[in-house]
Amino acid sequence: MKMRRKTMLVVMTLLLAYGLQVVYVKSLPSEQITILGYHHIVEDKDKEAYFKGNMWVNSLSSFEAQMKLLKEKGYHSVSLQDVYEWRMGRKELDEKSVVITFDDGFYSSIKYAQPILEKYGFQGSVFVIGSQIEANRSEYKPNKRQHATLADMQHTKKLSFYAHSFDLHHKDGGFRVHQLTKEALQIDTQKEASLVSTEFYAYPYGKYNPLIQEVLKQHGTKLAFGFNENRKASRQDDPYALPRFNVNAYTKLDVFYQMVSQ
């Protein structure tokens, strides 16, 4: 009987030590963080009917599968303000932190992505093209890539809205950001600021140069994000050139998991 009690005591001690070790590992601060970048999301039937070959349009089922995987693996989302505090060395984020972003300001971010985010306890940030904000929208049209209205943005629980330029999202004859003067970039940024917060900014197509970076710094933008660098952001990265992963229609679930776990 004494031997059995000693054995049980040893087992309980080991289990307790293991449990404490797991808690400790999970709470380790991280020097890197995954920032995911999405665009348009539609129901599966609409993806098949209208956007079958479009890599920038993700099916709702694939998006939910990715969010479900994050939840099951113990990940949690953080805000862009959290990322700023972390980048500046004022806050620690653990290795299970992830950032979820959506480019262009599509209404689908509200209609489809937000309920999934809420379901799994996540939050996200939407980068809005100011010139594409719709004045009003009578009905949702699944075959169109409709943009949200300012009214839409006022009634969200899990999404925050930030800048994606006012009208730099063009690449006819080259990316517009590379074609404008500093003064023109300042005007574009000021127009965007009259509609949405420019506290955080995502460069259209992920393209930037020293001029736009200088404009954003002078404007008071805290962080600016690229796109398609497909690596984690680190504390050593330029705060006006933080990398994001490109999560598109061809991103398989195992590849997605590698993005957050690598």
C-alpha atoms as a PDB file:
ATOM      1  CA  MET A   1       0.000   0.000   0.000  1.00  0.00           C
ATOM      2  CA  LYS A   2       2.851   2.390   0.875  1.00  0.00           C
ATOM      3  CA  MET A   3       4.601   1.530  -2.376  1.00  0.00           C
ATOM      4  CA  ARG A   4       1.406   2.263  -4.343  1.00  0.00           C
ATOM      5  CA  ARG A   5       1.022   5.632  -2.632  1.00  0.00           C
ATOM      6  CA  LYS A   6       4.642   6.522  -3.407  1.00  0.00           C
ATOM      7  CA  THR A   7       4.130   5.529  -7.041  1.00  0.00           C
ATOM      8  CA  MET A   8       0.990   7.633  -7.308  1.00  0.00           C
ATOM      9  CA  LEU A   9       2.792  10.582  -5.702  1.00  0.00           C
ATOM     10  CA  VAL A  10       5.635  10.333  -8.225  1.00  0.00           C
ATOM     11  CA  VAL A  11       3.190  10.121 -11.143  1.00  0.00           C
ATOM     12  CA  MET A  12       1.208  13.122  -9.897  1.00  0.00           C
ATOM     13  CA  THR A  13       4.418  15.129  -9.445  1.00  0.00           C
ATOM     14  CA  LEU A  14       5.532  14.315 -12.983  1.00  0.00           C
ATOM     15  CA  LEU A  15       2.139  15.223 -14.426  1.00  0.00           C
ATOM     16  CA  LEU A  16       2.132  18.516 -12.554  1.00  0.00           C
ATOM     17  CA  ALA A  17       5.644  19.323 -13.742  1.00  0.00           C
ATOM     18  CA  TYR A  18       4.696  18.455 -17.333  1.00  0.00           C
ATOM     19  CA  GLY A  19       1.585  20.606 -17.111  1.00  0.00           C
ATOM     20  CA  LEU A  20       3.575  23.563 -15.853  1.00  0.00           C
ATOM     21  CA  GLN A  21       6.078  23.050 -18.649  1.00  0.00           C
ATOM     22  CA  VAL A  22       3.320  23.101 -21.266  1.00  0.00           C
ATOM     23  CA  VAL A  23       1.879  26.303 -19.822  1.00  0.00           C
ATOM     24  CA  TYR A  24       5.342  27.844 -19.797  1.00  0.00           C
ATOM     25  CA  VAL A  25       6.039  26.909 -23.413  1.00  0.00           C
ATOM     26  CA  LYS A  26       2.695  28.267 -24.600  1.00  0.00           C
ATOM     27  CA  SER A  27       3.355  31.606 -22.933  1.00  0.00           C
ATOM     28  CA  LEU A  28       6.805  32.112 -24.442  1.00  0.00           C
ATOM     29  CA  PRO A  29       7.141  35.533 -26.096  1.00  0.00           C
ATOM     30  CA  SER A  30       7.815  35.494 -29.817  1.00  0.00           C
ATOM     31  CA  GLU A  31      10.195  37.587 -31.911  1.00  0.00           C
ATOM     32  CA  GLN A  32       8.138  36.809 -35.028  1.00  0.00           C
ATOM     33  CA  ILE A  33       4.456  36.959 -35.896  1.00  0.00           C
ATOM     34  CA  THR A  34       2.325  35.710 -38.792  1.00  0.00           C
ATOM     35  CA  ILE A  35       0.289  38.344 -40.641  1.00  0.00           C
ATOM     36  CA  LEU A  36      -2.238  36.778 -43.018  1.00  0.00           C
ATOM     37  CA  GLY A  37      -3.558  38.633 -46.062  1.00  0.00           C
ATOM     38  CA  TYR A  38      -6.898  37.862 -47.751  1.00  0.00           C
ATOM     39  CA  HIS A  39      -9.011  39.621 -50.368  1.00  0.00           C
ATOM     40  CA  HIS A  40     -12.525  38.613 -51.457  1.00  0.00           C
ATOM     41  CA  ILE A  41     -14.522  35.719 -49.927  1.00  0.00           C
ATOM     42  CA  VAL A  42     -17.650  34.179 -51.463  1.00  0.00           C
ATOM     43  CA  GLU A  43     -19.906  31.201 -50.941  1.00  0.00           C
ATOM     44  CA  ASP A  44     -18.652  28.023 -52.600  1.00  0.00           C
ATOM     45  CA  LYS A  45     -21.409  27.975 -55.210  1.00  0.00           C
ATOM     46  CA  ASP A  46     -20.571  31.546 -56.221  1.00  0.00           C
ATOM     47  CA  LYS A  47     -16.865  30.768 -56.356  1.00  0.00           C
ATOM     48  CA  GLU A  48     -17.640  27.944 -58.776  1.00  0.00           C
ATOM     49  CA  ALA A  49     -20.099  29.977 -60.844  1.00  0.00           C
ATOM     50  CA  TYR A  50     -18.382  33.369 -61.077  1.00  0.00           C
ATOM     51  CA  PHE A  51     -14.787  33.248 -59.791  1.00  0.00           C
ATOM     52  CA  LYS A  52     -13.556  29.732 -60.528  1.00  0.00           C
ATOM     53  CA  GLY A  53     -10.175  30.766 -61.929  1.00  0.00           C
ATOM     54  CA  ASN A  54      -9.642  33.850 -59.795  1.00  0.00           C
ATOM     55  CA  MET A  55      -6.922  33.261 -57.219  1.00  0.00           C
ATOM     56  CA  TRP A  56      -7.868  36.404 -55.279  1.00  0.00           C
ATOM     57  CA  VAL A  57     -11.349  35.100 -54.464  1.00  0.00           C
ATOM     58  CA  ASN A  58     -11.420  32.519 -51.652  1.00  0.00           C
ATOM     59  CA  SER A  59     -14.282  30.136 -51.019  1.00  0.00           C
ATOM     60  CA  LEU A  60     -16.133  30.467 -47.740  1.00  0.00           C
ATOM     61  CA  SER A  61     -15.522  26.824 -46.867  1.00  0.00           C
ATOM     62  CA  SER A  62     -11.738  27.156 -47.265  1.00  0.00           C
ATOM     63  CA  PHE A  63     -11.699  30.306 -45.126  1.00  0.00           C
ATOM     64  CA  GLU A  64     -13.683  28.607 -42.386  1.00  0.00           C
ATOM     65  CA  ALA A  65     -11.441  25.533 -42.522  1.00  0.00           C
ATOM     66  CA  GLN A  66      -8.429  27.780 -41.982  1.00  0.00           C
ATOM     67  CA  MET A  67     -10.019  29.608 -39.051  1.00  0.00           C
ATOM     68  CA  LYS A  68     -11.131  26.323 -37.522  1.00  0.00           C
ATOM     69  CA  LEU A  69      -7.591  24.979 -37.787  1.00  0.00           C
ATOM     70  CA  LEU A  70      -6.191  28.046 -36.058  1.00  0.00           C
ATOM     71  CA  LYS A  71      -8.662  27.604 -33.217  1.00  0.00           C
ATOM     72  CA  GLU A  72      -7.972  23.885 -32.852  1.00  0.00           C
ATOM     73  CA  LYS A  73      -4.220  24.496 -32.765  1.00  0.00           C
ATOM     74  CA  GLY A  74      -4.548  27.098 -30.010  1.00  0.00           C
ATOM     75  CA  TYR A  75      -3.920  30.284 -32.003  1.00  0.00           C
ATOM     76  CA  HIS A  76      -5.491  33.614 -31.138  1.00  0.00           C
ATOM     77  CA  SER A  77      -5.756  36.799 -33.186  1.00  0.00           C
ATOM     78  CA  VAL A  78      -4.316  40.152 -32.187  1.00  0.00           C
ATOM     79  CA  SER A  79      -5.026  43.701 -33.353  1.00  0.00           C
ATOM     80  CA  LEU A  80      -2.758  45.947 -35.398  1.00  0.00           C
ATOM     81  CA  GLN A  81      -2.347  48.104 -32.307  1.00  0.00           C
ATOM     82  CA  ASP A  82      -1.028  44.995 -30.533  1.00  0.00           C
ATOM     83  CA  VAL A  83       1.434  44.489 -33.391  1.00  0.00           C
ATOM     84  CA  TYR A  84       2.568  48.115 -33.105  1.00  0.00           C
ATOM     85  CA  GLU A  85       3.171  47.812 -29.360  1.00  0.00           C
ATOM     86  CA  TRP A  86       5.044  44.549 -29.974  1.00  0.00           C
ATOM     87  CA  ARG A  87       7.175  46.008 -32.785  1.00  0.00           C
ATOM     88  CA  MET A  88       8.098  48.961 -30.582  1.00  0.00           C
ATOM     89  CA  GLY A  89       9.137  46.611 -27.780  1.00  0.00           C
ATOM     90  CA  ARG A  90       6.374  47.712 -25.434  1.00  0.00           C
ATOM     91  CA  LYS A  91       4.411  44.467 -25.421  1.00  0.00           C
ATOM     92  CA  GLU A  92       5.059  40.762 -25.729  1.00  0.00           C
ATOM     93  CA  LEU A  93       3.065  38.534 -28.074  1.00  0.00           C
ATOM     94  CA  ASP A  94       3.288  34.784 -27.729  1.00  0.00           C
ATOM     95  CA  GLU A  95       4.059  32.331 -30.503  1.00  0.00           C
ATOM     96  CA  LYS A  96       0.370  31.535 -30.947  1.00  0.00           C
ATOM     97  CA  SER A  97      -0.483  35.101 -31.965  1.00  0.00           C
ATOM     98  CA  VAL A  98      -1.701  35.703 -35.511  1.00  0.00           C
ATOM     99  CA  VAL A  99      -2.943  38.749 -37.438  1.00  0.00           C
ATOM    100  CA  ILE A 100      -5.833  38.438 -39.931  1.00  0.00           C
ATOM    101  CA  THR A 101      -6.160  41.113 -42.623  1.00  0.00           C
ATOM    102  CA  PHE A 102      -8.326  41.692 -45.704  1.00  0.00           C
ATOM    103  CA  ASP A 103      -7.401  43.987 -48.580  1.00  0.00           C
ATOM    104  CA  ASP A 104      -9.533  46.317 -50.712  1.00  0.00           C
ATOM    105  CA  GLY A 105     -12.554  46.798 -48.422  1.00  0.00           C
ATOM    106  CA  PHE A 106     -14.901  44.285 -50.014  1.00  0.00           C
ATOM    107  CA  TYR A 107     -18.334  43.908 -48.467  1.00  0.00           C
ATOM    108  CA  SER A 108     -17.674  40.169 -48.272  1.00  0.00           C
ATOM    109  CA  SER A 109     -15.306  40.829 -45.373  1.00  0.00           C
ATOM    110  CA  ILE A 110     -18.359  41.924 -43.401  1.00  0.00           C
ATOM    111  CA  LYS A 111     -20.970  39.583 -44.870  1.00  0.00           C
ATOM    112  CA  TYR A 112     -18.956  36.355 -44.854  1.00  0.00           C
ATOM    113  CA  ALA A 113     -15.643  36.700 -43.022  1.00  0.00           C
ATOM    114  CA  GLN A 114     -16.928  38.469 -39.924  1.00  0.00           C
ATOM    115  CA  PRO A 115     -19.422  35.741 -38.837  1.00  0.00           C
ATOM    116  CA  ILE A 116     -16.650  33.137 -39.141  1.00  0.00           C
ATOM    117  CA  LEU A 117     -14.251  35.284 -37.144  1.00  0.00           C
ATOM    118  CA  GLU A 118     -16.894  35.722 -34.465  1.00  0.00           C
ATOM    119  CA  LYS A 119     -17.631  31.996 -34.441  1.00  0.00           C
ATOM    120  CA  TYR A 120     -14.016  31.152 -33.606  1.00  0.00           C
ATOM    121  CA  GLY A 121     -13.316  34.142 -31.374  1.00  0.00           C
ATOM    122  CA  PHE A 122     -11.029  36.024 -33.781  1.00  0.00           C
ATOM    123  CA  GLN A 123     -10.752  39.615 -34.936  1.00  0.00           C
ATOM    124  CA  GLY A 124      -9.564  41.070 -38.234  1.00  0.00           C
ATOM    125  CA  SER A 125      -8.530  44.265 -39.975  1.00  0.00           C
ATOM    126  CA  VAL A 126      -9.732  45.482 -43.378  1.00  0.00           C
ATOM    127  CA  PHE A 127      -7.630  47.777 -45.569  1.00  0.00           C
ATOM    128  CA  VAL A 128      -9.988  49.998 -47.557  1.00  0.00           C
ATOM    129  CA  ILE A 129      -9.500  51.671 -50.944  1.00  0.00           C
ATOM    130  CA  GLY A 130     -11.065  55.068 -50.288  1.00  0.00           C
ATOM    131  CA  SER A 131     -12.108  55.805 -53.872  1.00  0.00           C
ATOM    132  CA  GLN A 132     -13.928  52.455 -54.035  1.00  0.00           C
ATOM    133  CA  ILE A 133     -16.116  52.955 -50.962  1.00  0.00           C
ATOM    134  CA  GLU A 134     -19.686  52.627 -52.177  1.00  0.00           C
ATOM    135  CA  ALA A 135     -22.146  55.417 -51.428  1.00  0.00           C
ATOM    136  CA  ASN A 136     -24.963  52.926 -50.992  1.00  0.00           C
ATOM    137  CA  ARG A 137     -25.760  49.358 -51.887  1.00  0.00           C
ATOM    138  CA  SER A 138     -29.299  48.218 -52.521  1.00  0.00           C
ATOM    139  CA  GLU A 139     -28.602  44.483 -52.500  1.00  0.00           C
ATOM    140  CA  TYR A 140     -25.747  42.009 -52.434  1.00  0.00           C
ATOM    141  CA  LYS A 141     -24.777  40.717 -55.875  1.00  0.00           C
ATOM    142  CA  PRO A 142     -22.713  37.524 -55.643  1.00  0.00           C
ATOM    143  CA  ASN A 143     -21.283  37.896 -59.149  1.00  0.00           C
ATOM    144  CA  LYS A 144     -19.787  41.309 -58.327  1.00  0.00           C
ATOM    145  CA  ARG A 145     -16.920  42.296 -56.070  1.00  0.00           C
ATOM    146  CA  GLN A 146     -18.805  44.928 -54.138  1.00  0.00           C
ATOM    147  CA  HIS A 147     -17.110  47.281 -51.731  1.00  0.00           C
ATOM    148  CA  ALA A 148     -18.459  48.182 -48.313  1.00  0.00           C
ATOM    149  CA  THR A 149     -20.133  51.485 -47.559  1.00  0.00           C
ATOM    150  CA  LEU A 150     -19.131  53.734 -44.674  1.00  0.00           C
ATOM    151  CA  ALA A 151     -22.403  52.727 -43.019  1.00  0.00           C
ATOM    152  CA  ASP A 152     -21.422  49.050 -43.309  1.00  0.00           C
ATOM    153  CA  MET A 153     -18.182  49.790 -41.504  1.00  0.00           C
ATOM    154  CA  GLN A 154     -19.981  51.389 -38.583  1.00  0.00           C
ATOM    155  CA  HIS A 155     -21.795  48.190 -37.631  1.00  0.00           C
ATOM    156  CA  THR A 156     -19.069  45.603 -37.216  1.00  0.00           C
ATOM    157  CA  LYS A 157     -18.029  43.708 -34.116  1.00  0.00           C
ATOM    158  CA  LYS A 158     -14.904  41.839 -35.158  1.00  0.00           C
ATOM    159  CA  LEU A 159     -13.438  44.051 -37.891  1.00  0.00           C
ATOM    160  CA  SER A 160     -11.461  47.297 -37.837  1.00  0.00           C
ATOM    161  CA  PHE A 161     -10.955  49.435 -40.944  1.00  0.00           C
ATOM    162  CA  TYR A 162      -7.744  51.092 -42.064  1.00  0.00           C
ATOM    163  CA  ALA A 163      -6.072  52.603 -45.130  1.00  0.00           C
ATOM    164  CA  HIS A 164      -5.240  50.991 -48.470  1.00  0.00           C
ATOM    165  CA  SER A 165      -4.712  54.373 -50.199  1.00  0.00           C
ATOM    166  CA  PHE A 166      -7.410  56.558 -51.690  1.00  0.00           C
ATOM    167  CA  ASP A 167      -6.659  55.899 -55.348  1.00  0.00           C
ATOM    168  CA  LEU A 168      -3.271  54.184 -55.742  1.00  0.00           C
ATOM    169  CA  HIS A 169      -4.721  50.779 -56.525  1.00  0.00           C
ATOM    170  CA  HIS A 170      -3.836  50.941 -60.235  1.00  0.00           C
ATOM    171  CA  LYS A 171      -1.057  49.404 -62.291  1.00  0.00           C
ATOM    172  CA  ASP A 172      -1.778  50.549 -65.843  1.00  0.00           C
ATOM    173  CA  GLY A 173       1.637  51.316 -67.265  1.00  0.00           C
ATOM    174  CA  GLY A 174       3.197  50.532 -63.903  1.00  0.00           C
ATOM    175  CA  PHE A 175       2.233  50.746 -60.256  1.00  0.00           C
ATOM    176  CA  ARG A 176       0.769  54.164 -59.507  1.00  0.00           C
ATOM    177  CA  VAL A 177       2.694  54.559 -56.263  1.00  0.00           C
ATOM    178  CA  HIS A 178       5.886  54.711 -58.366  1.00  0.00           C
ATOM    179  CA  GLN A 179       4.453  57.300 -60.768  1.00  0.00           C
ATOM    180  CA  LEU A 180       3.403  60.060 -58.378  1.00  0.00           C
ATOM    181  CA  THR A 181       5.283  62.914 -56.769  1.00  0.00           C
ATOM    182  CA  LYS A 182       5.553  63.312 -53.025  1.00  0.00           C
ATOM    183  CA  GLU A 183       2.923  66.051 -53.130  1.00  0.00           C
ATOM    184  CA  ALA A 184       0.498  63.809 -55.034  1.00  0.00           C
ATOM    185  CA  LEU A 185       1.076  60.996 -52.539  1.00  0.00           C
ATOM    186  CA  GLN A 186       0.402  63.406 -49.682  1.00  0.00           C
ATOM    187  CA  ILE A 187      -2.880  64.466 -51.266  1.00  0.00           C
ATOM    188  CA  ASP A 188      -3.915  60.844 -51.764  1.00  0.00           C
ATOM    189  CA  THR A 189      -3.130  60.057 -48.119  1.00  0.00           C
ATOM    190  CA  GLN A 190      -5.070  63.079 -46.894  1.00  0.00           C
ATOM    191  CA  LYS A 191      -8.109  62.050 -48.950  1.00  0.00           C
ATOM    192  CA  GLU A 192      -7.922  58.554 -47.492  1.00  0.00           C
ATOM    193  CA  ALA A 193      -7.667  59.972 -43.974  1.00  0.00           C
ATOM    194  CA  SER A 194     -10.950  61.826 -44.468  1.00  0.00           C
ATOM    195  CA  LEU A 195     -12.714  58.463 -44.852  1.00  0.00           C
ATOM    196  CA  VAL A 196     -10.922  55.829 -42.754  1.00  0.00           C
ATOM    197  CA  SER A 197      -8.130  55.688 -40.211  1.00  0.00           C
ATOM    198  CA  THR A 198      -4.614  55.955 -41.640  1.00  0.00           C
ATOM    199  CA  GLU A 199      -3.123  54.796 -38.356  1.00  0.00           C
ATOM    200  CA  PHE A 200      -2.243  51.584 -40.188  1.00  0.00           C
ATOM    201  CA  TYR A 201      -1.705  51.330 -43.934  1.00  0.00           C
ATOM    202  CA  ALA A 202      -1.384  48.499 -46.459  1.00  0.00           C
ATOM    203  CA  TYR A 203       0.338  49.351 -49.733  1.00  0.00           C
ATOM    204  CA  PRO A 204      -1.708  48.488 -52.844  1.00  0.00           C
ATOM    205  CA  TYR A 205      -0.213  45.343 -54.409  1.00  0.00           C
ATOM    206  CA  GLY A 206       2.323  45.458 -51.593  1.00  0.00           C
ATOM    207  CA  LYS A 207       4.354  48.003 -53.587  1.00  0.00           C
ATOM    208  CA  TYR A 208       6.109  50.909 -51.899  1.00  0.00           C
ATOM    209  CA  ASN A 209       9.102  53.217 -52.181  1.00  0.00           C
ATOM    210  CA  PRO A 210      10.946  55.729 -49.968  1.00  0.00           C
ATOM    211  CA  LEU A 211       8.597  58.545 -51.005  1.00  0.00           C
ATOM    212  CA  ILE A 212       5.372  56.908 -49.803  1.00  0.00           C
ATOM    213  CA  GLN A 213       7.135  55.701 -46.664  1.00  0.00           C
ATOM    214  CA  GLU A 214       8.247  59.246 -45.907  1.00  0.00           C
ATOM    215  CA  VAL A 215       4.737  60.559 -46.527  1.00  0.00           C
ATOM    216  CA  LEU A 216       3.241  58.024 -44.128  1.00  0.00           C
ATOM    217  CA  LYS A 217       5.823  58.761 -41.434  1.00  0.00           C
ATOM    218  CA  GLN A 218       5.131  62.483 -41.670  1.00  0.00           C
ATOM    219  CA  HIS A 219       1.400  61.808 -41.666  1.00  0.00           C
ATOM    220  CA  GLY A 220       1.643  59.866 -38.386  1.00  0.00           C
ATOM    221  CA  THR A 221       0.926  56.359 -39.653  1.00  0.00           C
ATOM    222  CA  LYS A 222       2.209  53.833 -37.121  1.00  0.00           C
ATOM    223  CA  LEU A 223       2.782  50.771 -39.308  1.00  0.00           C
ATOM    224  CA  ALA A 224       2.611  49.990 -43.029  1.00  0.00           C
ATOM    225  CA  PHE A 225       2.323  46.558 -44.606  1.00  0.00           C
ATOM    226  CA  GLY A 226       3.520  44.912 -47.782  1.00  0.00           C
ATOM    227  CA  PHE A 227       2.018  41.791 -49.342  1.00  0.00           C
ATOM    228  CA  ASN A 228       3.136  38.442 -50.737  1.00  0.00           C
ATOM    229  CA  GLU A 229       6.513  38.423 -48.951  1.00  0.00           C
ATOM    230  CA  ASN A 230       5.308  35.123 -47.462  1.00  0.00           C
ATOM    231  CA  ARG A 231       7.337  35.238 -44.290  1.00  0.00           C
ATOM    232  CA  LYS A 232       6.694  36.188 -40.695  1.00  0.00           C
ATOM    233  CA  ALA A 233       7.183  39.738 -39.477  1.00  0.00           C
ATOM    234  CA  SER A 234       9.949  40.295 -36.953  1.00  0.00           C
ATOM    235  CA  ARG A 235      10.881  43.037 -34.542  1.00  0.00           C
ATOM    236  CA  GLN A 236      13.851  43.829 -36.782  1.00  0.00           C
ATOM    237  CA  ASP A 237      11.627  44.642 -39.782  1.00  0.00           C
ATOM    238  CA  ASP A 238      11.111  48.194 -40.949  1.00  0.00           C
ATOM    239  CA  PRO A 239       7.802  49.284 -39.331  1.00  0.00           C
ATOM    240  CA  TYR A 240       6.852  50.792 -42.716  1.00  0.00           C
ATOM    241  CA  ALA A 241       7.485  47.541 -44.588  1.00  0.00           C
ATOM    242  CA  LEU A 242       6.046  44.699 -42.528  1.00  0.00           C
ATOM    243  CA  PRO A 243       5.571  41.479 -44.516  1.00  0.00           C
ATOM    244  CA  ARG A 244       2.339  39.546 -44.962  1.00  0.00           C
ATOM    245  CA  PHE A 245       1.425  36.105 -46.224  1.00  0.00           C
ATOM    246  CA  ASN A 246      -0.655  35.831 -49.387  1.00  0.00           C
ATOM    247  CA  VAL A 247      -3.585  33.529 -48.549  1.00  0.00           C
ATOM    248  CA  ASN A 248      -5.385  32.938 -51.839  1.00  0.00           C
ATOM    249  CA  ALA A 249      -7.714  30.426 -53.485  1.00  0.00           C
ATOM    250  CA  TYR A 250      -4.840  28.037 -54.150  1.00  0.00           C
ATOM    251  CA  THR A 251      -3.532  27.961 -50.583  1.00  0.00           C
ATOM    252  CA  LYS A 252      -3.969  24.383 -49.355  1.00  0.00           C
ATOM    253  CA  LEU A 253      -4.697  23.766 -45.690  1.00  0.00           C
ATOM    254  CA  ASP A 254      -1.311  22.151 -44.995  1.00  0.00           C
ATOM    255  CA  VAL A 255       0.477  25.098 -46.608  1.00  0.00           C
ATOM    256  CA  PHE A 256      -1.661  27.473 -44.572  1.00  0.00           C
ATOM    257  CA  TYR A 257      -0.636  25.700 -41.372  1.00  0.00           C
ATOM    258  CA  GLN A 258       3.019  26.018 -42.341  1.00  0.00           C
ATOM    259  CA  MET A 259       2.521  29.787 -42.623  1.00  0.00           C
ATOM    260  CA  VAL A 260       1.562  30.091 -38.973  1.00  0.00           C
ATOM    261  CA  SER A 261       3.665  27.291 -37.506  1.00  0.00           C
ATOM    262  CA  GLN A 262       7.000  27.591 -39.356  1.00  0.00           C
END
